[in-house]
Amino acid sequence: MKILKKIKSFLKQFYWIRFFHQYLRQLYLKIFYSTTKAKEKYIKKQFKKHLGYEIDFNREPETFNQKIQFRKIYDDNPLYSICADKYRVREYVKEKIGEEYLVPLYLVTDKLTEEQWDKLPNSFVAKANHNSGPVQIVKDKTKANKKEIIRELNNQLKLDYGILSMEKYYSGIPRKIIVEKLLVDKKREMLQDIKAHCFRGKEEKYFFDLCSRESVEGEVKSVLYNENWINLKVTGGMLDTKEYLKPNNFLEIKEIVKKLSEDFKYVRVDLYNIENKIYFGELTFCENSGFGKFTDEEWDYKFGQFL
């Protein structure tokens, strides 16, 4: 198993291999798993593999991850497609909380060209608007591989993330490349973001996943805090054991996530808090595509009760 992981890790360095693997997988899923029943069958197998327990689509779901899988297949909220679109969501955010919270936008295009690249500033972030990555972080344009980055971004437009993840609302997004300002916290020299899990069921619940990394490309660790900024010492991924001070603008953060989540029973609201200035990141409706393993399994059931 360790040898296979090392081989997979090595192959990930080669973009073309990763791209063709995704493209072939997309064709495979489109041909053999296009119906609801077929999707249920596929998800059942993947669910057991990733989380170690079963999902039964003929029974009422209990855990958070089970309920996310039900959302993927059965929930047809038209707002998902609009708000999962990293470009169209900007208008939604503007109406909800104001334009001042949006990351400055440099370019929106149906296909990135070298001429467009040459007109961009020296540093920026470029990504497709219809998927969950990868993101191109360019800190110094003069040192970047222009042709390779442009090719990788444009190839993303050939992939239907709605098919790959079975989160069907992504398939309805008009595909584009967007380029935004690169946000860097000069004081801490690291990018930190807050992912707020917002539940609006029988009662409102908010949990703040504080994410950090050694650099903008680094490995992400996180830890959950509740509304009172109490460290819950749990996360869905790699646990960060550090203690973090409550942000000075935490009341503003809470107000923002409440406004941005008010139309949904559950949504993850991603914000960047850079030197006490808040920027909107994105809205996510299917956390980890319903395959996120909590460091404490009890929280899979707790989150499930809130959704």
C-alpha atoms as a PDB file:
ATOM      1  CA  MET A   1       0.000   0.000   0.000  1.00  0.00           C
ATOM      2  CA  LYS A   2       2.817   2.435   0.887  1.00  0.00           C
ATOM      3  CA  ILE A   3       4.526   1.730  -2.451  1.00  0.00           C
ATOM      4  CA  LEU A   4       1.270   2.437  -4.351  1.00  0.00           C
ATOM      5  CA  LYS A   5       0.837   5.721  -2.480  1.00  0.00           C
ATOM      6  CA  LYS A   6       4.392   6.755  -3.380  1.00  0.00           C
ATOM      7  CA  ILE A   7       3.765   5.898  -7.039  1.00  0.00           C
ATOM      8  CA  LYS A   8       0.519   7.919  -7.060  1.00  0.00           C
ATOM      9  CA  SER A   9       2.282  10.834  -5.368  1.00  0.00           C
ATOM     10  CA  PHE A  10       5.048  10.728  -7.967  1.00  0.00           C
ATOM     11  CA  LEU A  11       2.613  10.630 -10.901  1.00  0.00           C
ATOM     12  CA  LYS A  12       0.728  13.657  -9.556  1.00  0.00           C
ATOM     13  CA  GLN A  13       3.728  15.771 -10.508  1.00  0.00           C
ATOM     14  CA  PHE A  14       2.912  15.265 -14.178  1.00  0.00           C
ATOM     15  CA  TYR A  15      -0.050  17.402 -15.140  1.00  0.00           C
ATOM     16  CA  TRP A  16      -0.860  15.580 -18.397  1.00  0.00           C
ATOM     17  CA  ILE A  17      -1.160  12.256 -16.613  1.00  0.00           C
ATOM     18  CA  ARG A  18      -3.504  13.803 -14.040  1.00  0.00           C
ATOM     19  CA  PHE A  19      -5.569  15.510 -16.725  1.00  0.00           C
ATOM     20  CA  PHE A  20      -6.021  12.432 -18.924  1.00  0.00           C
ATOM     21  CA  HIS A  21      -6.839  10.344 -15.878  1.00  0.00           C
ATOM     22  CA  GLN A  22      -9.615  12.807 -14.969  1.00  0.00           C
ATOM     23  CA  TYR A  23     -10.825  13.026 -18.553  1.00  0.00           C
ATOM     24  CA  LEU A  24     -11.035   9.242 -18.936  1.00  0.00           C
ATOM     25  CA  ARG A  25     -12.737   8.946 -15.561  1.00  0.00           C
ATOM     26  CA  GLN A  26     -15.249  11.556 -16.663  1.00  0.00           C
ATOM     27  CA  LEU A  27     -16.094   9.551 -19.789  1.00  0.00           C
ATOM     28  CA  TYR A  28     -16.374   6.365 -17.743  1.00  0.00           C
ATOM     29  CA  LEU A  29     -18.755   7.936 -15.201  1.00  0.00           C
ATOM     30  CA  LYS A  30     -20.823   9.586 -17.922  1.00  0.00           C
ATOM     31  CA  ILE A  31     -21.313   6.295 -19.782  1.00  0.00           C
ATOM     32  CA  PHE A  32     -21.800   3.856 -16.899  1.00  0.00           C
ATOM     33  CA  TYR A  33     -23.131   5.997 -14.026  1.00  0.00           C
ATOM     34  CA  SER A  34     -25.568   8.456 -15.575  1.00  0.00           C
ATOM     35  CA  THR A  35     -28.771   7.225 -13.897  1.00  0.00           C
ATOM     36  CA  THR A  36     -29.783   7.847 -10.288  1.00  0.00           C
ATOM     37  CA  LYS A  37     -29.618   4.151  -9.408  1.00  0.00           C
ATOM     38  CA  ALA A  38     -26.183   3.801 -10.957  1.00  0.00           C
ATOM     39  CA  LYS A  39     -24.942   6.846  -9.027  1.00  0.00           C
ATOM     40  CA  GLU A  40     -26.287   5.386  -5.788  1.00  0.00           C
ATOM     41  CA  LYS A  41     -24.394   2.171  -6.471  1.00  0.00           C
ATOM     42  CA  TYR A  42     -21.149   4.020  -7.208  1.00  0.00           C
ATOM     43  CA  ILE A  43     -21.447   6.275  -4.147  1.00  0.00           C
ATOM     44  CA  LYS A  44     -22.178   3.294  -1.871  1.00  0.00           C
ATOM     45  CA  LYS A  45     -18.884   1.698  -2.858  1.00  0.00           C
ATOM     46  CA  GLN A  46     -16.871   4.930  -2.532  1.00  0.00           C
ATOM     47  CA  PHE A  47     -18.560   5.829   0.743  1.00  0.00           C
ATOM     48  CA  LYS A  48     -17.549   2.541   2.376  1.00  0.00           C
ATOM     49  CA  LYS A  49     -14.033   2.894   1.011  1.00  0.00           C
ATOM     50  CA  HIS A  50     -13.499   6.448   2.306  1.00  0.00           C
ATOM     51  CA  LEU A  51     -15.431   6.414   5.578  1.00  0.00           C
ATOM     52  CA  GLY A  52     -15.545   2.772   6.629  1.00  0.00           C
ATOM     53  CA  TYR A  53     -19.288   2.544   7.189  1.00  0.00           C
ATOM     54  CA  GLU A  54     -22.346   2.059   4.981  1.00  0.00           C
ATOM     55  CA  ILE A  55     -24.863   4.344   3.315  1.00  0.00           C
ATOM     56  CA  ASP A  56     -28.325   3.059   2.377  1.00  0.00           C
ATOM     57  CA  PHE A  57     -30.337   5.281   0.025  1.00  0.00           C
ATOM     58  CA  ASN A  58     -33.523   3.470   1.064  1.00  0.00           C
ATOM     59  CA  ARG A  59     -33.153   4.598   4.680  1.00  0.00           C
ATOM     60  CA  GLU A  60     -33.229   7.994   6.377  1.00  0.00           C
ATOM     61  CA  PRO A  61     -29.631   9.316   6.532  1.00  0.00           C
ATOM     62  CA  GLU A  62     -28.149  10.032   9.968  1.00  0.00           C
ATOM     63  CA  THR A  63     -24.628  11.335   9.578  1.00  0.00           C
ATOM     64  CA  PHE A  64     -23.479  14.556   7.957  1.00  0.00           C
ATOM     65  CA  ASN A  65     -21.674  12.703   5.155  1.00  0.00           C
ATOM     66  CA  GLN A  66     -24.717  10.547   4.427  1.00  0.00           C
ATOM     67  CA  LYS A  67     -26.919  13.639   4.173  1.00  0.00           C
ATOM     68  CA  ILE A  68     -24.438  15.320   1.832  1.00  0.00           C
ATOM     69  CA  GLN A  69     -24.664  12.288  -0.480  1.00  0.00           C
ATOM     70  CA  PHE A  70     -28.466  12.569  -0.476  1.00  0.00           C
ATOM     71  CA  ARG A  71     -28.115  16.253  -1.348  1.00  0.00           C
ATOM     72  CA  LYS A  72     -25.842  15.408  -4.278  1.00  0.00           C
ATOM     73  CA  ILE A  73     -28.383  13.077  -5.857  1.00  0.00           C
ATOM     74  CA  TYR A  74     -31.779  14.449  -4.866  1.00  0.00           C
ATOM     75  CA  ASP A  75     -31.504  18.181  -4.045  1.00  0.00           C
ATOM     76  CA  ASP A  76     -32.234  20.374  -7.080  1.00  0.00           C
ATOM     77  CA  ASN A  77     -31.983  23.861  -5.559  1.00  0.00           C
ATOM     78  CA  PRO A  78     -31.271  26.168  -8.555  1.00  0.00           C
ATOM     79  CA  LEU A  79     -29.251  28.511  -6.334  1.00  0.00           C
ATOM     80  CA  TYR A  80     -26.535  25.871  -5.940  1.00  0.00           C
ATOM     81  CA  SER A  81     -25.413  26.226  -9.549  1.00  0.00           C
ATOM     82  CA  ILE A  82     -25.345  30.034  -9.343  1.00  0.00           C
ATOM     83  CA  CYS A  83     -23.545  30.206  -6.012  1.00  0.00           C
ATOM     84  CA  ALA A  84     -21.053  27.396  -6.723  1.00  0.00           C
ATOM     85  CA  ASP A  85     -20.002  29.389  -9.802  1.00  0.00           C
ATOM     86  CA  LYS A  86     -16.938  31.362  -8.663  1.00  0.00           C
ATOM     87  CA  TYR A  87     -17.856  34.129 -11.110  1.00  0.00           C
ATOM     88  CA  ARG A  88     -21.651  34.437 -10.859  1.00  0.00           C
ATOM     89  CA  VAL A  89     -21.559  34.161  -7.054  1.00  0.00           C
ATOM     90  CA  ARG A  90     -19.887  37.576  -6.970  1.00  0.00           C
ATOM     91  CA  GLU A  91     -23.182  39.250  -7.861  1.00  0.00           C
ATOM     92  CA  TYR A  92     -24.969  37.222  -5.165  1.00  0.00           C
ATOM     93  CA  VAL A  93     -22.392  38.312  -2.571  1.00  0.00           C
ATOM     94  CA  LYS A  94     -22.578  41.914  -3.731  1.00  0.00           C
ATOM     95  CA  GLU A  95     -26.334  41.966  -3.137  1.00  0.00           C
ATOM     96  CA  LYS A  96     -26.070  40.227   0.252  1.00  0.00           C
ATOM     97  CA  ILE A  97     -23.153  41.973   1.952  1.00  0.00           C
ATOM     98  CA  GLY A  98     -21.661  44.492  -0.467  1.00  0.00           C
ATOM     99  CA  GLU A  99     -18.996  44.707  -3.141  1.00  0.00           C
ATOM    100  CA  GLU A 100     -16.256  45.677  -0.677  1.00  0.00           C
ATOM    101  CA  TYR A 101     -15.903  42.041   0.434  1.00  0.00           C
ATOM    102  CA  LEU A 102     -15.054  40.725  -3.034  1.00  0.00           C
ATOM    103  CA  VAL A 103     -11.483  39.899  -4.043  1.00  0.00           C
ATOM    104  CA  PRO A 104     -10.472  42.332  -6.853  1.00  0.00           C
ATOM    105  CA  LEU A 105     -11.052  40.693 -10.237  1.00  0.00           C
ATOM    106  CA  TYR A 106      -8.491  41.155 -13.020  1.00  0.00           C
ATOM    107  CA  LEU A 107      -9.917  39.031 -15.824  1.00  0.00           C
ATOM    108  CA  VAL A 108     -12.810  36.772 -16.869  1.00  0.00           C
ATOM    109  CA  THR A 109     -12.406  34.828 -20.106  1.00  0.00           C
ATOM    110  CA  ASP A 110     -13.787  31.823 -21.992  1.00  0.00           C
ATOM    111  CA  LYS A 111     -10.206  30.858 -22.866  1.00  0.00           C
ATOM    112  CA  LEU A 112      -6.969  32.267 -21.475  1.00  0.00           C
ATOM    113  CA  THR A 113      -4.511  33.526 -24.120  1.00  0.00           C
ATOM    114  CA  GLU A 114      -0.873  34.607 -23.974  1.00  0.00           C
ATOM    115  CA  GLU A 115      -1.931  38.134 -24.893  1.00  0.00           C
ATOM    116  CA  GLN A 116      -4.247  38.254 -21.866  1.00  0.00           C
ATOM    117  CA  TRP A 117      -1.520  36.799 -19.657  1.00  0.00           C
ATOM    118  CA  ASP A 118       0.946  39.500 -20.720  1.00  0.00           C
ATOM    119  CA  LYS A 119      -1.500  42.222 -19.598  1.00  0.00           C
ATOM    120  CA  LEU A 120      -1.986  40.743 -16.118  1.00  0.00           C
ATOM    121  CA  PRO A 121      -0.103  42.138 -13.072  1.00  0.00           C
ATOM    122  CA  ASN A 122       3.008  40.369 -11.809  1.00  0.00           C
ATOM    123  CA  SER A 123       1.160  38.338  -9.168  1.00  0.00           C
ATOM    124  CA  PHE A 124      -2.340  36.845  -9.232  1.00  0.00           C
ATOM    125  CA  VAL A 125      -4.512  33.777  -8.676  1.00  0.00           C
ATOM    126  CA  ALA A 126      -6.082  32.048 -11.694  1.00  0.00           C
ATOM    127  CA  LYS A 127      -8.692  29.280 -11.652  1.00  0.00           C
ATOM    128  CA  ALA A 128     -11.655  27.777 -13.430  1.00  0.00           C
ATOM    129  CA  ASN A 129     -15.022  28.927 -12.098  1.00  0.00           C
ATOM    130  CA  HIS A 130     -16.826  25.586 -12.333  1.00  0.00           C
ATOM    131  CA  ASN A 131     -14.833  23.138 -10.213  1.00  0.00           C
ATOM    132  CA  SER A 132     -12.998  22.647  -6.941  1.00  0.00           C
ATOM    133  CA  GLY A 133      -9.469  23.301  -8.171  1.00  0.00           C
ATOM    134  CA  PRO A 134      -6.651  23.164  -8.983  1.00  0.00           C
ATOM    135  CA  VAL A 135      -5.796  26.833  -8.450  1.00  0.00           C
ATOM    136  CA  GLN A 136      -2.812  28.504 -10.100  1.00  0.00           C
ATOM    137  CA  ILE A 137      -1.035  30.797  -7.612  1.00  0.00           C
ATOM    138  CA  VAL A 138       1.392  33.051  -9.487  1.00  0.00           C
ATOM    139  CA  LYS A 139       3.662  35.046  -7.164  1.00  0.00           C
ATOM    140  CA  ASP A 140       6.058  36.254  -9.857  1.00  0.00           C
ATOM    141  CA  LYS A 141       4.870  36.156 -13.442  1.00  0.00           C
ATOM    142  CA  THR A 142       8.411  36.575 -14.791  1.00  0.00           C
ATOM    143  CA  LYS A 143       9.439  33.269 -13.205  1.00  0.00           C
ATOM    144  CA  ALA A 144       6.290  31.300 -14.056  1.00  0.00           C
ATOM    145  CA  ASN A 145       5.930  28.812 -16.900  1.00  0.00           C
ATOM    146  CA  LYS A 146       3.425  30.818 -18.933  1.00  0.00           C
ATOM    147  CA  LYS A 147       2.602  28.241 -21.601  1.00  0.00           C
ATOM    148  CA  GLU A 148       2.187  25.376 -19.137  1.00  0.00           C
ATOM    149  CA  ILE A 149      -0.072  27.327 -16.763  1.00  0.00           C
ATOM    150  CA  ILE A 150      -2.256  28.607 -19.607  1.00  0.00           C
ATOM    151  CA  ARG A 151      -2.577  25.083 -21.023  1.00  0.00           C
ATOM    152  CA  GLU A 152      -3.465  23.616 -17.623  1.00  0.00           C
ATOM    153  CA  LEU A 153      -6.124  26.263 -16.966  1.00  0.00           C
ATOM    154  CA  ASN A 154      -7.731  25.890 -20.385  1.00  0.00           C
ATOM    155  CA  ASN A 155      -7.765  22.104 -20.057  1.00  0.00           C
ATOM    156  CA  GLN A 156      -9.815  22.499 -16.882  1.00  0.00           C
ATOM    157  CA  LEU A 157     -12.620  23.817 -19.090  1.00  0.00           C
ATOM    158  CA  LYS A 158     -12.795  20.397 -20.776  1.00  0.00           C
ATOM    159  CA  LEU A 159     -13.701  18.691 -17.504  1.00  0.00           C
ATOM    160  CA  ASP A 160     -17.235  18.502 -16.117  1.00  0.00           C
ATOM    161  CA  TYR A 161     -16.788  18.580 -12.356  1.00  0.00           C
ATOM    162  CA  GLY A 162     -20.486  17.814 -11.918  1.00  0.00           C
ATOM    163  CA  ILE A 163     -19.852  14.390 -13.450  1.00  0.00           C
ATOM    164  CA  LEU A 164     -16.551  13.788 -11.655  1.00  0.00           C
ATOM    165  CA  SER A 165     -17.915  14.606  -8.187  1.00  0.00           C
ATOM    166  CA  MET A 166     -21.567  13.701  -8.861  1.00  0.00           C
ATOM    167  CA  GLU A 167     -22.466  17.149  -7.545  1.00  0.00           C
ATOM    168  CA  LYS A 168     -24.754  17.798 -10.503  1.00  0.00           C
ATOM    169  CA  TYR A 169     -25.193  21.549 -10.010  1.00  0.00           C
ATOM    170  CA  TYR A 170     -21.598  22.092 -11.170  1.00  0.00           C
ATOM    171  CA  SER A 171     -22.573  20.800 -14.622  1.00  0.00           C
ATOM    172  CA  GLY A 172     -24.877  23.783 -15.102  1.00  0.00           C
ATOM    173  CA  ILE A 173     -22.110  26.369 -14.689  1.00  0.00           C
ATOM    174  CA  PRO A 174     -20.947  28.187 -17.868  1.00  0.00           C
ATOM    175  CA  ARG A 175     -17.212  27.468 -17.834  1.00  0.00           C
ATOM    176  CA  LYS A 176     -14.729  30.321 -17.620  1.00  0.00           C
ATOM    177  CA  ILE A 177     -11.263  31.213 -16.347  1.00  0.00           C
ATOM    178  CA  ILE A 178     -11.146  33.945 -13.714  1.00  0.00           C
ATOM    179  CA  VAL A 179      -8.076  35.816 -12.476  1.00  0.00           C
ATOM    180  CA  GLU A 180      -8.075  37.575  -9.107  1.00  0.00           C
ATOM    181  CA  LYS A 181      -5.685  39.493  -6.884  1.00  0.00           C
ATOM    182  CA  LEU A 182      -3.273  37.351  -4.855  1.00  0.00           C
ATOM    183  CA  LEU A 183      -4.036  37.894  -1.164  1.00  0.00           C
ATOM    184  CA  VAL A 184      -1.066  37.697   1.204  1.00  0.00           C
ATOM    185  CA  ASP A 185      -0.944  38.498   4.905  1.00  0.00           C
ATOM    186  CA  LYS A 186       2.320  40.445   5.131  1.00  0.00           C
ATOM    187  CA  LYS A 187       2.413  40.345   8.929  1.00  0.00           C
ATOM    188  CA  ARG A 188       2.192  36.562   9.229  1.00  0.00           C
ATOM    189  CA  GLU A 189       3.580  35.653   5.801  1.00  0.00           C
ATOM    190  CA  MET A 190       1.019  32.880   5.485  1.00  0.00           C
ATOM    191  CA  LEU A 191      -2.449  32.581   4.056  1.00  0.00           C
ATOM    192  CA  GLN A 192      -5.170  31.860   6.579  1.00  0.00           C
ATOM    193  CA  ASP A 193      -8.837  31.367   5.872  1.00  0.00           C
ATOM    194  CA  ILE A 194     -11.988  30.695   7.852  1.00  0.00           C
ATOM    195  CA  LYS A 195     -14.499  28.166   6.562  1.00  0.00           C
ATOM    196  CA  ALA A 196     -17.804  28.655   8.354  1.00  0.00           C
ATOM    197  CA  HIS A 197     -20.167  25.664   8.478  1.00  0.00           C
ATOM    198  CA  CYS A 198     -23.641  27.178   8.632  1.00  0.00           C
ATOM    199  CA  PHE A 199     -26.695  25.124   9.607  1.00  0.00           C
ATOM    200  CA  ARG A 200     -30.267  26.425   9.487  1.00  0.00           C
ATOM    201  CA  GLY A 201     -32.453  23.530  10.572  1.00  0.00           C
ATOM    202  CA  LYS A 202     -34.511  23.442  13.753  1.00  0.00           C
ATOM    203  CA  GLU A 203     -31.956  25.876  15.147  1.00  0.00           C
ATOM    204  CA  GLU A 204     -29.117  27.946  13.731  1.00  0.00           C
ATOM    205  CA  LYS A 205     -25.617  26.598  14.284  1.00  0.00           C
ATOM    206  CA  TYR A 206     -22.296  27.990  13.148  1.00  0.00           C
ATOM    207  CA  PHE A 207     -18.863  26.374  13.333  1.00  0.00           C
ATOM    208  CA  PHE A 208     -15.677  28.049  12.200  1.00  0.00           C
ATOM    209  CA  ASP A 209     -13.007  25.876  10.631  1.00  0.00           C
ATOM    210  CA  LEU A 210      -9.776  27.826  11.005  1.00  0.00           C
ATOM    211  CA  CYS A 211      -7.398  26.772   8.237  1.00  0.00           C
ATOM    212  CA  SER A 212      -3.719  27.508   8.022  1.00  0.00           C
ATOM    213  CA  ARG A 213      -0.735  26.451   5.953  1.00  0.00           C
ATOM    214  CA  GLU A 214       2.978  27.096   6.029  1.00  0.00           C
ATOM    215  CA  SER A 215       2.760  28.903   2.688  1.00  0.00           C
ATOM    216  CA  VAL A 216       0.118  29.644   0.067  1.00  0.00           C
ATOM    217  CA  GLU A 217       0.860  26.277  -1.562  1.00  0.00           C
ATOM    218  CA  GLY A 218       1.411  24.403   1.691  1.00  0.00           C
ATOM    219  CA  GLU A 219      -0.395  21.534   3.335  1.00  0.00           C
ATOM    220  CA  VAL A 220      -3.639  22.614   4.973  1.00  0.00           C
ATOM    221  CA  LYS A 221      -4.403  21.897   8.616  1.00  0.00           C
ATOM    222  CA  SER A 222      -7.535  23.053  10.403  1.00  0.00           C
ATOM    223  CA  VAL A 223      -9.480  23.033  13.656  1.00  0.00           C
ATOM    224  CA  LEU A 224     -13.102  23.806  14.504  1.00  0.00           C
ATOM    225  CA  TYR A 225     -14.188  26.611  16.805  1.00  0.00           C
ATOM    226  CA  ASN A 226     -17.781  27.236  17.876  1.00  0.00           C
ATOM    227  CA  GLU A 227     -19.669  30.547  17.919  1.00  0.00           C
ATOM    228  CA  ASN A 228     -18.098  31.459  21.270  1.00  0.00           C
ATOM    229  CA  TRP A 229     -14.598  30.798  19.913  1.00  0.00           C
ATOM    230  CA  ILE A 230     -14.098  27.629  21.935  1.00  0.00           C
ATOM    231  CA  ASN A 231     -11.638  25.200  20.362  1.00  0.00           C
ATOM    232  CA  LEU A 232     -13.490  21.917  19.749  1.00  0.00           C
ATOM    233  CA  LYS A 233     -10.237  20.072  18.941  1.00  0.00           C
ATOM    234  CA  VAL A 234     -11.750  18.341  15.925  1.00  0.00           C
ATOM    235  CA  THR A 235     -11.795  18.820  12.168  1.00  0.00           C
ATOM    236  CA  GLY A 236     -12.598  17.086   8.917  1.00  0.00           C
ATOM    237  CA  GLY A 237      -9.085  16.446   7.656  1.00  0.00           C
ATOM    238  CA  MET A 238      -5.699  17.117   9.293  1.00  0.00           C
ATOM    239  CA  LEU A 239      -6.021  18.495  12.818  1.00  0.00           C
ATOM    240  CA  ASP A 240      -4.184  21.698  13.708  1.00  0.00           C
ATOM    241  CA  THR A 241      -3.137  21.519  17.371  1.00  0.00           C
ATOM    242  CA  LYS A 242      -2.339  25.230  17.673  1.00  0.00           C
ATOM    243  CA  GLU A 243      -4.513  27.614  19.666  1.00  0.00           C
ATOM    244  CA  TYR A 244      -5.702  30.700  17.804  1.00  0.00           C
ATOM    245  CA  LEU A 245      -6.790  34.014  19.269  1.00  0.00           C
ATOM    246  CA  LYS A 246     -10.280  35.151  18.421  1.00  0.00           C
ATOM    247  CA  PRO A 247     -10.117  37.591  15.488  1.00  0.00           C
ATOM    248  CA  ASN A 248     -10.678  41.244  16.402  1.00  0.00           C
ATOM    249  CA  ASN A 249     -13.401  41.385  13.743  1.00  0.00           C
ATOM    250  CA  PHE A 250     -15.126  38.140  14.765  1.00  0.00           C
ATOM    251  CA  LEU A 251     -18.526  39.847  15.194  1.00  0.00           C
ATOM    252  CA  GLU A 252     -18.277  41.110  11.609  1.00  0.00           C
ATOM    253  CA  ILE A 253     -17.313  37.616  10.421  1.00  0.00           C
ATOM    254  CA  LYS A 254     -20.358  36.104  12.145  1.00  0.00           C
ATOM    255  CA  GLU A 255     -22.666  38.715  10.659  1.00  0.00           C
ATOM    256  CA  ILE A 256     -21.321  38.066   7.164  1.00  0.00           C
ATOM    257  CA  VAL A 257     -21.711  34.281   7.328  1.00  0.00           C
ATOM    258  CA  LYS A 258     -25.259  34.639   8.676  1.00  0.00           C
ATOM    259  CA  LYS A 259     -26.248  36.833   5.735  1.00  0.00           C
ATOM    260  CA  LEU A 260     -24.563  34.629   3.126  1.00  0.00           C
ATOM    261  CA  SER A 261     -26.075  31.427   4.525  1.00  0.00           C
ATOM    262  CA  GLU A 262     -29.648  32.611   5.060  1.00  0.00           C
ATOM    263  CA  ASP A 263     -31.007  30.965   1.862  1.00  0.00           C
ATOM    264  CA  PHE A 264     -29.667  27.470   2.634  1.00  0.00           C
ATOM    265  CA  LYS A 265     -30.193  24.685   5.172  1.00  0.00           C
ATOM    266  CA  TYR A 266     -26.456  24.090   5.055  1.00  0.00           C
ATOM    267  CA  VAL A 267     -23.608  25.851   3.315  1.00  0.00           C
ATOM    268  CA  ARG A 268     -19.918  26.338   3.995  1.00  0.00           C
ATOM    269  CA  VAL A 269     -18.987  30.008   3.696  1.00  0.00           C
ATOM    270  CA  ASP A 270     -15.283  30.564   3.021  1.00  0.00           C
ATOM    271  CA  LEU A 271     -13.730  33.877   4.028  1.00  0.00           C
ATOM    272  CA  TYR A 272     -10.207  35.265   4.041  1.00  0.00           C
ATOM    273  CA  ASN A 273      -9.301  37.428   7.036  1.00  0.00           C
ATOM    274  CA  ILE A 274      -6.222  39.383   5.985  1.00  0.00           C
ATOM    275  CA  GLU A 275      -4.954  41.980   8.467  1.00  0.00           C
ATOM    276  CA  ASN A 276      -8.516  42.489   9.795  1.00  0.00           C
ATOM    277  CA  LYS A 277      -9.889  42.946   6.283  1.00  0.00           C
ATOM    278  CA  ILE A 278     -12.445  40.311   5.262  1.00  0.00           C
ATOM    279  CA  TYR A 279     -12.713  38.937   1.726  1.00  0.00           C
ATOM    280  CA  PHE A 280     -15.229  36.432   0.397  1.00  0.00           C
ATOM    281  CA  GLY A 281     -13.792  33.139  -0.875  1.00  0.00           C
ATOM    282  CA  GLU A 282     -16.568  30.803  -2.040  1.00  0.00           C
ATOM    283  CA  LEU A 283     -19.741  28.935  -1.099  1.00  0.00           C
ATOM    284  CA  THR A 284     -19.590  25.141  -0.820  1.00  0.00           C
ATOM    285  CA  PHE A 285     -22.704  22.962  -0.611  1.00  0.00           C
ATOM    286  CA  CYS A 286     -21.200  19.478  -0.416  1.00  0.00           C
ATOM    287  CA  GLU A 287     -18.316  19.542   2.045  1.00  0.00           C
ATOM    288  CA  ASN A 288     -15.567  17.189   0.828  1.00  0.00           C
ATOM    289  CA  SER A 289     -18.162  15.819  -1.598  1.00  0.00           C
ATOM    290  CA  GLY A 290     -19.600  13.874   1.352  1.00  0.00           C
ATOM    291  CA  PHE A 291     -16.430  11.838   1.914  1.00  0.00           C
ATOM    292  CA  GLY A 292     -14.801  13.920   4.656  1.00  0.00           C
ATOM    293  CA  LYS A 293     -13.567  11.864   7.596  1.00  0.00           C
ATOM    294  CA  PHE A 294     -13.754  13.697  10.928  1.00  0.00           C
ATOM    295  CA  THR A 295     -10.860  13.258  13.359  1.00  0.00           C
ATOM    296  CA  ASP A 296     -13.580  12.354  15.887  1.00  0.00           C
ATOM    297  CA  GLU A 297     -16.304  10.257  14.214  1.00  0.00           C
ATOM    298  CA  GLU A 298     -18.871  11.501  16.746  1.00  0.00           C
ATOM    299  CA  TRP A 299     -18.903  14.818  14.915  1.00  0.00           C
ATOM    300  CA  ASP A 300     -20.140  13.167  11.735  1.00  0.00           C
ATOM    301  CA  TYR A 301     -23.299  12.393  13.705  1.00  0.00           C
ATOM    302  CA  LYS A 302     -23.405  15.798  15.439  1.00  0.00           C
ATOM    303  CA  PHE A 303     -23.211  17.683  12.149  1.00  0.00           C
ATOM    304  CA  GLY A 304     -25.799  15.245  10.809  1.00  0.00           C
ATOM    305  CA  GLN A 305     -28.243  16.273  13.542  1.00  0.00           C
ATOM    306  CA  PHE A 306     -27.901  19.937  12.569  1.00  0.00           C
ATOM    307  CA  LEU A 307     -28.531  19.288   8.844  1.00  0.00           C
END
